[in-house]
């Protein structure tokens, strides 16, 4: 929805900011062929966890009006479903 564009933009900025240090650690671990597979799984789990956490925090800011709460619930269901589908696609769990 257009009215949530600013919130979405802040959420995306927060998401990437929260992943910055983890990404550097991932790159170092992925460079080693002996730790690469574990690093990939750790990274994917971190991306999913940070995505869910960041989304939930942003969703709490949509307000208390009925239409906003409905949009929040629908968006959370969609987000959680997509995150779990991506995790399954990426690591098969």
Protein backbone atom coordinates (compact mmCIF):
# COMPACT_ATOMS: atom_id res chain seq x y z
CA UNK A 1 0.00 0.00 0.00
CA UNK A 2 1.23 3.44 -0.87
CA UNK A 3 0.62 4.90 2.58
CA UNK A 4 3.09 2.44 4.10
CA UNK A 5 5.88 3.27 1.63
CA UNK A 6 7.94 5.27 4.16
CA UNK A 7 7.59 2.52 6.73
CA UNK A 8 8.65 -0.06 4.15
CA UNK A 9 11.67 2.01 3.14
CA UNK A 10 12.76 2.34 6.78
CA UNK A 11 12.21 -1.39 7.29
CA UNK A 12 14.44 -2.25 4.33
CA UNK A 13 17.18 0.10 5.52
CA UNK A 14 17.03 -1.41 9.01
CA UNK A 15 17.10 -4.94 7.59
CA UNK A 16 20.29 -4.36 5.61
CA UNK A 17 21.91 -2.42 8.43
CA UNK A 18 21.27 -5.30 10.84
CA UNK A 19 22.80 -7.79 8.43
CA UNK A 20 25.99 -5.82 7.67
CA UNK A 21 28.26 -7.40 10.32
CA UNK A 22 26.78 -10.85 9.78
CA UNK A 23 27.44 -10.54 6.05
CA UNK A 24 31.10 -9.80 6.62
CA UNK A 25 31.35 -12.87 8.86
CA UNK A 26 29.55 -14.94 6.25
CA UNK A 27 31.96 -13.88 3.50
CA UNK A 28 34.96 -14.84 5.62
CA UNK A 29 33.47 -18.21 6.55
CA UNK A 30 32.29 -18.93 2.99
CA UNK A 31 35.80 -18.35 1.66
CA UNK A 32 36.96 -21.47 3.50
CA UNK A 33 35.81 -24.61 1.65
CA UNK A 34 35.70 -26.51 4.96
CA UNK A 35 33.18 -24.11 6.55
CA UNK A 36 31.30 -22.98 3.43
CA UNK A 37 28.25 -25.23 3.82
CA UNK A 38 27.78 -24.38 7.48
CA UNK A 39 28.31 -20.70 6.68
CA UNK A 40 25.56 -20.83 4.03
CA UNK A 41 23.06 -22.40 6.42
CA UNK A 42 23.98 -19.94 9.19
CA UNK A 43 23.64 -17.01 6.80
CA UNK A 44 20.26 -18.15 5.49
CA UNK A 45 18.93 -18.66 9.00
CA UNK A 46 20.19 -15.22 9.99
CA UNK A 47 18.61 -13.53 6.96
CA UNK A 48 15.28 -15.22 7.74
CA UNK A 49 15.44 -14.32 11.46
CA UNK A 50 16.42 -10.71 10.85
CA UNK A 51 13.78 -10.40 8.14
CA UNK A 52 11.05 -11.67 10.41
CA UNK A 53 12.18 -9.56 13.36
CA UNK A 54 12.49 -6.40 11.28
CA UNK A 55 9.15 -6.96 9.59
CA UNK A 56 7.39 -7.54 12.91
CA UNK A 57 8.85 -4.36 14.37
CA UNK A 58 7.73 -2.38 11.32
CA UNK A 59 4.27 -3.98 11.40
CA UNK A 60 3.78 -2.78 14.97
CA UNK A 61 3.95 0.80 13.64
CA UNK A 62 0.99 0.63 11.25
CA UNK A 63 -1.50 1.94 13.78
CA UNK A 64 -4.67 0.74 15.45
CA UNK A 65 -7.32 1.50 12.85
CA UNK A 66 -9.25 -1.53 11.70
CA UNK A 67 -8.04 -1.32 8.10
CA UNK A 68 -4.42 -0.95 9.24
CA UNK A 69 -4.70 -3.91 11.61
CA UNK A 70 -6.23 -6.03 8.85
CA UNK A 71 -3.43 -5.05 6.47
CA UNK A 72 -0.90 -5.90 9.20
CA UNK A 73 -2.28 -9.39 9.79
CA UNK A 74 -2.46 -10.15 6.08
CA UNK A 75 1.05 -8.84 5.51
CA UNK A 76 2.47 -10.82 8.45
CA UNK A 77 0.91 -14.04 7.17
CA UNK A 78 2.31 -13.39 3.70
CA UNK A 79 5.74 -12.48 5.05
CA UNK A 80 6.02 -15.54 7.28
CA UNK A 81 4.86 -17.82 4.48
CA UNK A 82 7.35 -16.38 2.02
CA UNK A 83 10.23 -16.53 4.49
CA UNK A 84 9.56 -20.17 5.26
CA UNK A 85 9.19 -21.00 1.57
CA UNK A 86 12.52 -19.30 0.80
CA UNK A 87 14.24 -21.15 3.64
CA UNK A 88 12.89 -24.44 2.30
CA UNK A 89 13.97 -23.52 -1.23
CA UNK A 90 17.47 -22.49 -0.13
CA UNK A 91 18.29 -25.27 2.36
CA UNK A 92 15.51 -27.79 1.99
CA UNK A 93 14.30 -27.71 5.58
